[in-house]
Structure formats: structure tokens, C-alpha cells
N, C-alpha and C. Protein backbone atom coordinates (compact mmCIF):
# COMPACT_ATOMS: atom_id res chain seq x y z
N MET A 1 0.84 -1.19 0.00
CA MET A 1 0.00 0.00 0.00
C MET A 1 0.88 1.24 0.00
N SER A 2 0.52 2.22 -0.79
CA SER A 2 1.36 3.40 -0.89
C SER A 2 1.09 4.36 0.28
N VAL A 3 2.05 5.20 0.54
CA VAL A 3 1.97 6.16 1.62
C VAL A 3 1.18 7.38 1.14
N THR A 4 0.26 7.86 1.97
CA THR A 4 -0.54 9.02 1.59
C THR A 4 0.26 10.31 1.80
N PRO A 5 -0.12 11.39 1.15
CA PRO A 5 0.56 12.67 1.40
C PRO A 5 0.51 13.08 2.88
N GLU A 6 -0.61 12.83 3.54
CA GLU A 6 -0.70 13.16 4.96
C GLU A 6 0.30 12.34 5.79
N GLU A 7 0.49 11.06 5.41
CA GLU A 7 1.48 10.23 6.12
C GLU A 7 2.90 10.73 5.85
N ARG A 8 3.18 11.17 4.62
CA ARG A 8 4.50 11.72 4.33
C ARG A 8 4.75 12.98 5.15
N LEU A 9 3.73 13.83 5.27
CA LEU A 9 3.86 15.03 6.10
C LEU A 9 4.17 14.65 7.55
N ALA A 10 3.46 13.65 8.07
CA ALA A 10 3.70 13.20 9.44
C ALA A 10 5.13 12.70 9.61
N GLU A 11 5.65 11.98 8.60
CA GLU A 11 7.04 11.51 8.65
C GLU A 11 8.02 12.68 8.72
N LEU A 12 7.63 13.81 8.12
CA LEU A 12 8.46 15.02 8.14
C LEU A 12 8.26 15.84 9.42
N GLY A 13 7.37 15.36 10.29
CA GLY A 13 7.07 16.10 11.51
C GLY A 13 6.14 17.27 11.27
N LEU A 14 5.39 17.23 10.16
CA LEU A 14 4.49 18.32 9.78
C LEU A 14 3.06 17.80 9.71
N SER A 15 2.13 18.71 9.73
CA SER A 15 0.73 18.35 9.53
C SER A 15 0.05 19.47 8.78
N VAL A 16 -1.07 19.13 8.17
CA VAL A 16 -1.86 20.13 7.46
C VAL A 16 -2.68 20.88 8.51
N PRO A 17 -2.53 22.20 8.56
CA PRO A 17 -3.26 22.98 9.57
C PRO A 17 -4.73 23.13 9.19
N GLN A 18 -5.49 23.78 10.05
CA GLN A 18 -6.83 24.21 9.69
C GLN A 18 -6.71 25.25 8.59
N VAL A 19 -7.73 25.39 7.78
CA VAL A 19 -7.70 26.38 6.71
C VAL A 19 -7.64 27.77 7.32
N ALA A 20 -6.69 28.56 6.84
CA ALA A 20 -6.57 29.94 7.32
C ALA A 20 -7.78 30.74 6.85
N ALA A 21 -8.33 31.54 7.73
CA ALA A 21 -9.49 32.36 7.38
C ALA A 21 -9.07 33.43 6.37
N PRO A 22 -9.85 33.64 5.33
CA PRO A 22 -9.53 34.68 4.36
C PRO A 22 -9.46 36.05 5.03
N VAL A 23 -8.56 36.92 4.54
CA VAL A 23 -8.42 38.26 5.10
C VAL A 23 -9.21 39.29 4.28
N ALA A 24 -9.98 38.85 3.28
CA ALA A 24 -10.80 39.74 2.46
C ALA A 24 -11.93 38.91 1.85
N ALA A 25 -12.52 39.40 0.77
CA ALA A 25 -13.70 38.76 0.17
C ALA A 25 -13.31 37.74 -0.88
N TYR A 26 -12.98 36.52 -0.45
CA TYR A 26 -12.62 35.43 -1.35
C TYR A 26 -12.74 34.12 -0.60
N VAL A 27 -12.59 33.02 -1.32
CA VAL A 27 -12.59 31.70 -0.70
C VAL A 27 -11.17 31.13 -0.78
N PRO A 28 -10.80 30.22 0.12
CA PRO A 28 -9.44 29.68 0.13
C PRO A 28 -9.06 28.89 -1.12
N ALA A 29 -10.04 28.20 -1.72
CA ALA A 29 -9.75 27.39 -2.91
C ALA A 29 -11.02 27.21 -3.73
N VAL A 30 -10.81 27.00 -5.03
CA VAL A 30 -11.92 26.76 -5.94
C VAL A 30 -11.59 25.53 -6.77
N ARG A 31 -12.56 24.63 -6.87
CA ARG A 31 -12.41 23.47 -7.75
C ARG A 31 -13.06 23.80 -9.08
N ASP A 32 -12.32 23.53 -10.17
CA ASP A 32 -12.85 23.72 -11.51
C ASP A 32 -12.53 22.44 -12.28
N GLY A 33 -13.52 21.57 -12.43
CA GLY A 33 -13.28 20.30 -13.11
C GLY A 33 -12.26 19.48 -12.36
N ASP A 34 -11.17 19.13 -13.03
CA ASP A 34 -10.13 18.30 -12.43
C ASP A 34 -9.01 19.11 -11.78
N HIS A 35 -9.23 20.39 -11.57
CA HIS A 35 -8.21 21.24 -10.96
C HIS A 35 -8.74 21.95 -9.72
N VAL A 36 -7.83 22.20 -8.79
CA VAL A 36 -8.11 23.08 -7.66
C VAL A 36 -7.07 24.19 -7.70
N LEU A 37 -7.57 25.43 -7.61
CA LEU A 37 -6.70 26.60 -7.55
C LEU A 37 -6.88 27.24 -6.18
N THR A 38 -5.77 27.49 -5.50
CA THR A 38 -5.88 28.13 -4.20
C THR A 38 -5.76 29.63 -4.35
N SER A 39 -6.35 30.32 -3.41
CA SER A 39 -6.08 31.74 -3.25
C SER A 39 -4.66 31.86 -2.69
N GLY A 40 -4.11 33.04 -2.76
CA GLY A 40 -2.79 33.27 -2.17
C GLY A 40 -2.84 32.98 -0.68
N GLN A 41 -1.89 32.19 -0.21
CA GLN A 41 -1.83 31.81 1.20
C GLN A 41 -0.64 32.50 1.86
N LEU A 42 -0.91 33.12 3.00
CA LEU A 42 0.13 33.80 3.77
C LEU A 42 0.75 32.81 4.76
N PRO A 43 1.91 33.16 5.31
CA PRO A 43 2.57 32.26 6.28
C PRO A 43 1.96 32.36 7.68
N MET A 44 0.68 32.02 7.76
CA MET A 44 -0.03 32.03 9.05
C MET A 44 0.15 30.69 9.74
N ARG A 45 0.42 30.75 11.03
CA ARG A 45 0.49 29.55 11.86
C ARG A 45 -0.23 29.87 13.16
N GLU A 46 -1.27 29.11 13.44
CA GLU A 46 -2.06 29.32 14.65
C GLU A 46 -2.54 30.77 14.77
N GLY A 47 -2.98 31.34 13.64
CA GLY A 47 -3.58 32.66 13.65
C GLY A 47 -2.66 33.85 13.55
N SER A 48 -1.35 33.61 13.47
CA SER A 48 -0.39 34.72 13.39
C SER A 48 0.59 34.50 12.25
N LEU A 49 1.06 35.61 11.67
CA LEU A 49 2.13 35.51 10.67
C LEU A 49 3.42 35.05 11.33
N LEU A 50 4.18 34.20 10.65
CA LEU A 50 5.49 33.77 11.17
C LEU A 50 6.47 34.92 11.20
N ALA A 51 6.33 35.87 10.28
CA ALA A 51 7.23 37.02 10.21
C ALA A 51 6.52 38.13 9.44
N THR A 52 7.02 39.34 9.59
CA THR A 52 6.55 40.47 8.79
C THR A 52 7.77 41.23 8.28
N GLY A 53 7.56 41.96 7.19
CA GLY A 53 8.63 42.78 6.65
C GLY A 53 9.14 42.27 5.33
N LYS A 54 10.23 42.86 4.88
CA LYS A 54 10.79 42.56 3.56
C LYS A 54 11.94 41.56 3.67
N VAL A 55 11.95 40.62 2.74
CA VAL A 55 13.07 39.69 2.65
C VAL A 55 14.26 40.46 2.09
N GLY A 56 15.41 40.29 2.71
CA GLY A 56 16.58 41.09 2.37
C GLY A 56 16.70 42.30 3.28
N GLY A 57 15.66 42.55 4.07
CA GLY A 57 15.65 43.63 5.07
C GLY A 57 15.47 43.00 6.44
N GLU A 58 14.25 43.15 6.99
CA GLU A 58 13.96 42.63 8.33
C GLU A 58 13.87 41.11 8.36
N VAL A 59 13.64 40.49 7.20
CA VAL A 59 13.42 39.04 7.14
C VAL A 59 14.58 38.36 6.42
N SER A 60 15.19 37.38 7.07
CA SER A 60 16.31 36.66 6.48
C SER A 60 15.82 35.67 5.42
N LEU A 61 16.73 35.24 4.57
CA LEU A 61 16.40 34.22 3.57
C LEU A 61 15.89 32.96 4.26
N GLU A 62 16.53 32.54 5.34
CA GLU A 62 16.13 31.33 6.04
C GLU A 62 14.71 31.44 6.58
N THR A 63 14.38 32.59 7.15
CA THR A 63 13.02 32.80 7.67
C THR A 63 12.02 32.82 6.52
N ALA A 64 12.40 33.43 5.41
CA ALA A 64 11.51 33.49 4.24
C ALA A 64 11.22 32.09 3.70
N VAL A 65 12.23 31.22 3.68
CA VAL A 65 12.02 29.83 3.23
C VAL A 65 11.05 29.13 4.16
N GLU A 66 11.19 29.33 5.47
CA GLU A 66 10.25 28.74 6.43
C GLU A 66 8.85 29.29 6.22
N CYS A 67 8.75 30.58 5.92
CA CYS A 67 7.45 31.18 5.62
C CYS A 67 6.85 30.54 4.36
N ALA A 68 7.66 30.32 3.36
CA ALA A 68 7.19 29.70 2.12
C ALA A 68 6.66 28.29 2.39
N ARG A 69 7.35 27.54 3.23
CA ARG A 69 6.89 26.20 3.60
C ARG A 69 5.53 26.27 4.31
N GLN A 70 5.38 27.25 5.20
CA GLN A 70 4.09 27.40 5.90
C GLN A 70 2.99 27.79 4.92
N CYS A 71 3.30 28.66 3.97
CA CYS A 71 2.32 29.01 2.94
C CYS A 71 1.89 27.76 2.18
N ALA A 72 2.85 26.89 1.86
CA ALA A 72 2.52 25.66 1.14
C ALA A 72 1.61 24.77 1.98
N LEU A 73 1.90 24.64 3.27
CA LEU A 73 1.03 23.84 4.15
C LEU A 73 -0.37 24.44 4.19
N ASN A 74 -0.46 25.76 4.23
CA ASN A 74 -1.77 26.40 4.26
C ASN A 74 -2.52 26.19 2.95
N ALA A 75 -1.79 26.19 1.84
CA ALA A 75 -2.42 25.91 0.54
C ALA A 75 -2.91 24.47 0.50
N LEU A 76 -2.11 23.55 1.04
CA LEU A 76 -2.55 22.15 1.10
C LEU A 76 -3.80 22.01 1.97
N ALA A 77 -3.89 22.80 3.04
CA ALA A 77 -5.08 22.78 3.88
C ALA A 77 -6.31 23.22 3.07
N ALA A 78 -6.14 24.26 2.26
CA ALA A 78 -7.26 24.75 1.44
C ALA A 78 -7.68 23.70 0.42
N ILE A 79 -6.69 23.01 -0.16
CA ILE A 79 -6.99 21.95 -1.14
C ILE A 79 -7.71 20.80 -0.46
N ARG A 80 -7.19 20.37 0.69
CA ARG A 80 -7.81 19.25 1.40
C ARG A 80 -9.24 19.59 1.81
N ALA A 81 -9.48 20.82 2.24
CA ALA A 81 -10.84 21.22 2.63
C ALA A 81 -11.78 21.16 1.43
N GLU A 82 -11.25 21.40 0.24
CA GLU A 82 -12.06 21.40 -0.97
C GLU A 82 -12.35 19.99 -1.48
N VAL A 83 -11.37 19.06 -1.35
CA VAL A 83 -11.52 17.74 -1.97
C VAL A 83 -11.55 16.57 -0.99
N GLY A 84 -11.35 16.83 0.30
CA GLY A 84 -11.46 15.77 1.29
C GLY A 84 -10.16 15.18 1.75
N GLU A 85 -9.28 14.83 0.82
CA GLU A 85 -7.98 14.27 1.21
C GLU A 85 -6.95 14.57 0.13
N LEU A 86 -5.71 14.71 0.56
CA LEU A 86 -4.64 15.08 -0.38
C LEU A 86 -4.30 13.96 -1.35
N SER A 87 -4.68 12.73 -1.05
CA SER A 87 -4.39 11.65 -1.99
C SER A 87 -5.21 11.78 -3.27
N ALA A 88 -6.20 12.69 -3.29
CA ALA A 88 -6.93 12.98 -4.53
C ALA A 88 -6.08 13.78 -5.53
N VAL A 89 -5.00 14.38 -5.04
CA VAL A 89 -4.12 15.18 -5.90
C VAL A 89 -3.24 14.24 -6.73
N THR A 90 -3.32 14.37 -8.04
CA THR A 90 -2.49 13.54 -8.92
C THR A 90 -1.27 14.30 -9.42
N ARG A 91 -1.30 15.63 -9.34
CA ARG A 91 -0.17 16.42 -9.85
C ARG A 91 -0.25 17.82 -9.28
N VAL A 92 0.88 18.35 -8.84
CA VAL A 92 0.99 19.78 -8.58
C VAL A 92 1.36 20.39 -9.92
N VAL A 93 0.50 21.26 -10.44
CA VAL A 93 0.68 21.82 -11.77
C VAL A 93 1.53 23.09 -11.74
N LYS A 94 1.16 24.02 -10.85
CA LYS A 94 1.82 25.33 -10.85
C LYS A 94 1.91 25.88 -9.45
N VAL A 95 3.05 26.50 -9.17
CA VAL A 95 3.28 27.23 -7.92
C VAL A 95 3.60 28.67 -8.31
N VAL A 96 2.96 29.61 -7.62
CA VAL A 96 3.33 31.01 -7.76
C VAL A 96 3.70 31.50 -6.37
N ALA A 97 4.93 31.99 -6.23
CA ALA A 97 5.41 32.52 -4.96
C ALA A 97 5.71 34.01 -5.12
N PHE A 98 5.05 34.79 -4.29
CA PHE A 98 5.29 36.23 -4.24
C PHE A 98 6.17 36.50 -3.03
N VAL A 99 7.25 37.26 -3.23
CA VAL A 99 8.18 37.53 -2.16
C VAL A 99 8.29 39.05 -2.00
N ALA A 100 7.83 39.56 -0.86
CA ALA A 100 8.00 40.98 -0.57
C ALA A 100 9.46 41.18 -0.20
N SER A 101 10.18 41.91 -1.04
CA SER A 101 11.62 41.97 -0.85
C SER A 101 12.15 43.37 -1.11
N THR A 102 13.34 43.59 -0.58
CA THR A 102 14.03 44.86 -0.83
C THR A 102 14.43 44.92 -2.30
N SER A 103 14.68 46.10 -2.78
CA SER A 103 14.96 46.28 -4.21
C SER A 103 16.25 45.58 -4.67
N ASP A 104 17.15 45.30 -3.75
CA ASP A 104 18.41 44.64 -4.12
C ASP A 104 18.40 43.14 -3.87
N PHE A 105 17.30 42.59 -3.37
CA PHE A 105 17.20 41.15 -3.10
C PHE A 105 16.79 40.44 -4.38
N THR A 106 17.56 39.44 -4.78
CA THR A 106 17.28 38.74 -6.04
C THR A 106 17.18 37.23 -5.87
N ALA A 107 17.02 36.75 -4.66
CA ALA A 107 16.98 35.31 -4.41
C ALA A 107 15.55 34.79 -4.23
N GLN A 108 14.58 35.41 -4.93
CA GLN A 108 13.20 34.94 -4.85
C GLN A 108 13.09 33.45 -5.19
N PRO A 109 13.84 32.94 -6.19
CA PRO A 109 13.75 31.50 -6.47
C PRO A 109 14.15 30.62 -5.28
N GLN A 110 15.14 31.05 -4.49
CA GLN A 110 15.54 30.27 -3.33
C GLN A 110 14.44 30.26 -2.28
N VAL A 111 13.72 31.38 -2.13
CA VAL A 111 12.59 31.42 -1.21
C VAL A 111 11.52 30.44 -1.70
N ALA A 112 11.21 30.48 -2.98
CA ALA A 112 10.19 29.60 -3.55
C ALA A 112 10.58 28.13 -3.43
N ASN A 113 11.87 27.83 -3.34
CA ASN A 113 12.31 26.45 -3.15
C ASN A 113 11.73 25.86 -1.86
N GLY A 114 11.42 26.71 -0.88
CA GLY A 114 10.78 26.20 0.34
C GLY A 114 9.47 25.50 0.02
N VAL A 115 8.73 26.05 -0.94
CA VAL A 115 7.48 25.44 -1.38
C VAL A 115 7.78 24.20 -2.23
N SER A 116 8.62 24.39 -3.23
CA SER A 116 8.88 23.32 -4.20
C SER A 116 9.45 22.07 -3.55
N GLU A 117 10.39 22.25 -2.63
CA GLU A 117 11.00 21.10 -1.97
C GLU A 117 10.00 20.38 -1.09
N LEU A 118 9.15 21.13 -0.38
CA LEU A 118 8.13 20.50 0.45
C LEU A 118 7.16 19.70 -0.41
N LEU A 119 6.71 20.27 -1.52
CA LEU A 119 5.77 19.55 -2.39
C LEU A 119 6.41 18.30 -2.97
N GLY A 120 7.70 18.36 -3.28
CA GLY A 120 8.41 17.18 -3.75
C GLY A 120 8.47 16.10 -2.68
N GLU A 121 8.71 16.52 -1.42
CA GLU A 121 8.77 15.55 -0.33
C GLU A 121 7.40 14.90 -0.09
N VAL A 122 6.34 15.66 -0.27
CA VAL A 122 4.99 15.18 0.03
C VAL A 122 4.42 14.35 -1.12
N PHE A 123 4.62 14.80 -2.37
CA PHE A 123 3.97 14.17 -3.52
C PHE A 123 4.92 13.42 -4.43
N GLY A 124 6.23 13.42 -4.16
CA GLY A 124 7.17 12.73 -5.03
C GLY A 124 7.15 13.32 -6.43
N GLU A 125 7.17 12.46 -7.45
CA GLU A 125 7.17 12.93 -8.85
C GLU A 125 5.95 13.79 -9.16
N ALA A 126 4.83 13.51 -8.53
CA ALA A 126 3.61 14.29 -8.77
C ALA A 126 3.73 15.71 -8.22
N GLY A 127 4.76 15.95 -7.42
CA GLY A 127 4.98 17.28 -6.87
C GLY A 127 5.84 18.17 -7.74
N VAL A 128 6.39 17.63 -8.83
CA VAL A 128 7.21 18.43 -9.76
C VAL A 128 6.27 19.33 -10.55
N HIS A 129 6.58 20.63 -10.62
CA HIS A 129 5.62 21.60 -11.12
C HIS A 129 6.29 22.74 -11.88
N ALA A 130 5.47 23.48 -12.63
CA ALA A 130 5.89 24.77 -13.18
C ALA A 130 5.82 25.79 -12.04
N ARG A 131 6.60 26.90 -12.17
CA ARG A 131 6.67 27.82 -11.05
C ARG A 131 7.03 29.22 -11.50
N SER A 132 6.50 30.19 -10.78
CA SER A 132 6.94 31.57 -10.89
C SER A 132 7.33 32.04 -9.51
N ALA A 133 8.42 32.78 -9.40
CA ALA A 133 8.86 33.40 -8.15
C ALA A 133 9.00 34.89 -8.44
N VAL A 134 8.15 35.69 -7.80
CA VAL A 134 8.00 37.09 -8.15
C VAL A 134 8.33 37.98 -6.96
N GLY A 135 9.21 38.94 -7.16
CA GLY A 135 9.49 39.94 -6.13
C GLY A 135 8.48 41.06 -6.21
N VAL A 136 7.91 41.43 -5.06
CA VAL A 136 6.92 42.51 -5.00
C VAL A 136 7.28 43.47 -3.86
N PRO A 137 6.76 44.71 -3.92
CA PRO A 137 7.12 45.68 -2.88
C PRO A 137 6.45 45.43 -1.54
N VAL A 138 5.21 44.91 -1.54
CA VAL A 138 4.51 44.68 -0.28
C VAL A 138 3.41 43.64 -0.51
N LEU A 139 3.11 42.88 0.54
CA LEU A 139 2.04 41.88 0.52
C LEU A 139 1.05 42.17 1.65
N PRO A 140 -0.14 41.58 1.60
CA PRO A 140 -1.13 41.82 2.66
C PRO A 140 -0.57 41.55 4.06
N LEU A 141 -0.96 42.39 4.99
CA LEU A 141 -0.55 42.29 6.40
C LEU A 141 0.96 42.41 6.60
N ASP A 142 1.67 42.90 5.58
CA ASP A 142 3.14 43.02 5.60
C ASP A 142 3.82 41.64 5.65
N ALA A 143 3.12 40.61 5.13
CA ALA A 143 3.72 39.27 5.07
C ALA A 143 4.91 39.29 4.12
N PRO A 144 5.94 38.49 4.40
CA PRO A 144 7.09 38.43 3.49
C PRO A 144 6.88 37.53 2.28
N VAL A 145 5.94 36.57 2.37
CA VAL A 145 5.74 35.59 1.30
C VAL A 145 4.24 35.30 1.17
N GLU A 146 3.80 35.07 -0.06
CA GLU A 146 2.44 34.59 -0.34
C GLU A 146 2.56 33.55 -1.46
N VAL A 147 1.83 32.46 -1.33
CA VAL A 147 1.95 31.35 -2.28
C VAL A 147 0.57 30.91 -2.73
N GLU A 148 0.46 30.61 -4.03
CA GLU A 148 -0.76 29.98 -4.55
C GLU A 148 -0.38 28.72 -5.32
N LEU A 149 -1.26 27.73 -5.27
CA LEU A 149 -1.04 26.45 -5.95
C LEU A 149 -2.18 26.14 -6.90
N THR A 150 -1.84 25.43 -7.97
CA THR A 150 -2.82 24.79 -8.83
C THR A 150 -2.47 23.31 -8.87
N VAL A 151 -3.46 22.45 -8.59
CA VAL A 151 -3.23 21.01 -8.62
C VAL A 151 -4.27 20.33 -9.50
N SER A 152 -3.90 19.16 -10.02
CA SER A 152 -4.83 18.30 -10.75
C SER A 152 -5.31 17.20 -9.82
N LEU A 153 -6.53 16.72 -10.09
CA LEU A 153 -7.13 15.69 -9.27
C LEU A 153 -7.37 14.43 -10.09
N ALA A 154 -7.52 13.32 -9.37
CA ALA A 154 -7.81 12.04 -10.01
C ALA A 154 -9.16 12.10 -10.72
């Protein structure tokens, strides 16, 4: 019997949190046919941001990577709430990572690796995806990272 994504997360010492409450007028995820698209997920853990500020300024690269991982977990929570269980995911199609960063910070791809590596650990080959890593001047609530996912379903 194969290991479920939730079991892989447990092996990593992680779990899918409760779905983070939206901070504006939207839903956490939408299913369209065989795809689920998440809204942008902030690095919320137990109701609070893990960090605030700009990467390359107040926020270190290491903290930003941890924030990106938390965003990915929150996106997985939104997907699971929409489809029931993560084993319904057959492929991670696209990751978009927004990084609030100083004008001289250019390591947005390394921040996004926090998401990509986690998805690879959880979904194996099905976690390999297309990706954009975008530097922006500011994100909601002064979060350093925001992540959205698109996945395919069985």
C-alpha cells in the first residue's frame, strides 16, 4: 500500500493545519473540473504571521524559506478542505510565490524552493511543477511571502 501525502507530512514532523481564514472577500480554494486553484496563502500559523517585513531587510532568507513552507502547508489545507484528502491530488501543476523583498534582493527562487522542496517531499514525482517566483514591494498584512497552488485531481 502506498503512503498518503498526509502520512508523508507526518514523517516530516508536519501536519496540514486548519484552513486559514480569508483576510478579504474570497474563498481559500476553488475546484474547476479536475483542478483546484488556491487563493494566495500567507505564512499564518495558529492565527499569526510567522514574520513580517521585507526579505533582504527585516526578514532573512532562512526565515523566508520557512514562511514559504508554511504558505505551502496552508495551501494544502485549502486543497484538502475542498476535496477531502490530499491523496486525490495527482499532480501539482503550478506554484506562484510572491516575495515581498528589498529592491536589491534577487533570491526569490531560493525562497520559492521552500514550497517546491516541500511539495516534492509530500507528492514525489507528482509534486514536480511549473513555477513563478516574483518579487513585490509589499504583501497583505506586511507578510514576506504569499503562495498559490494549482493542482490536478484524479
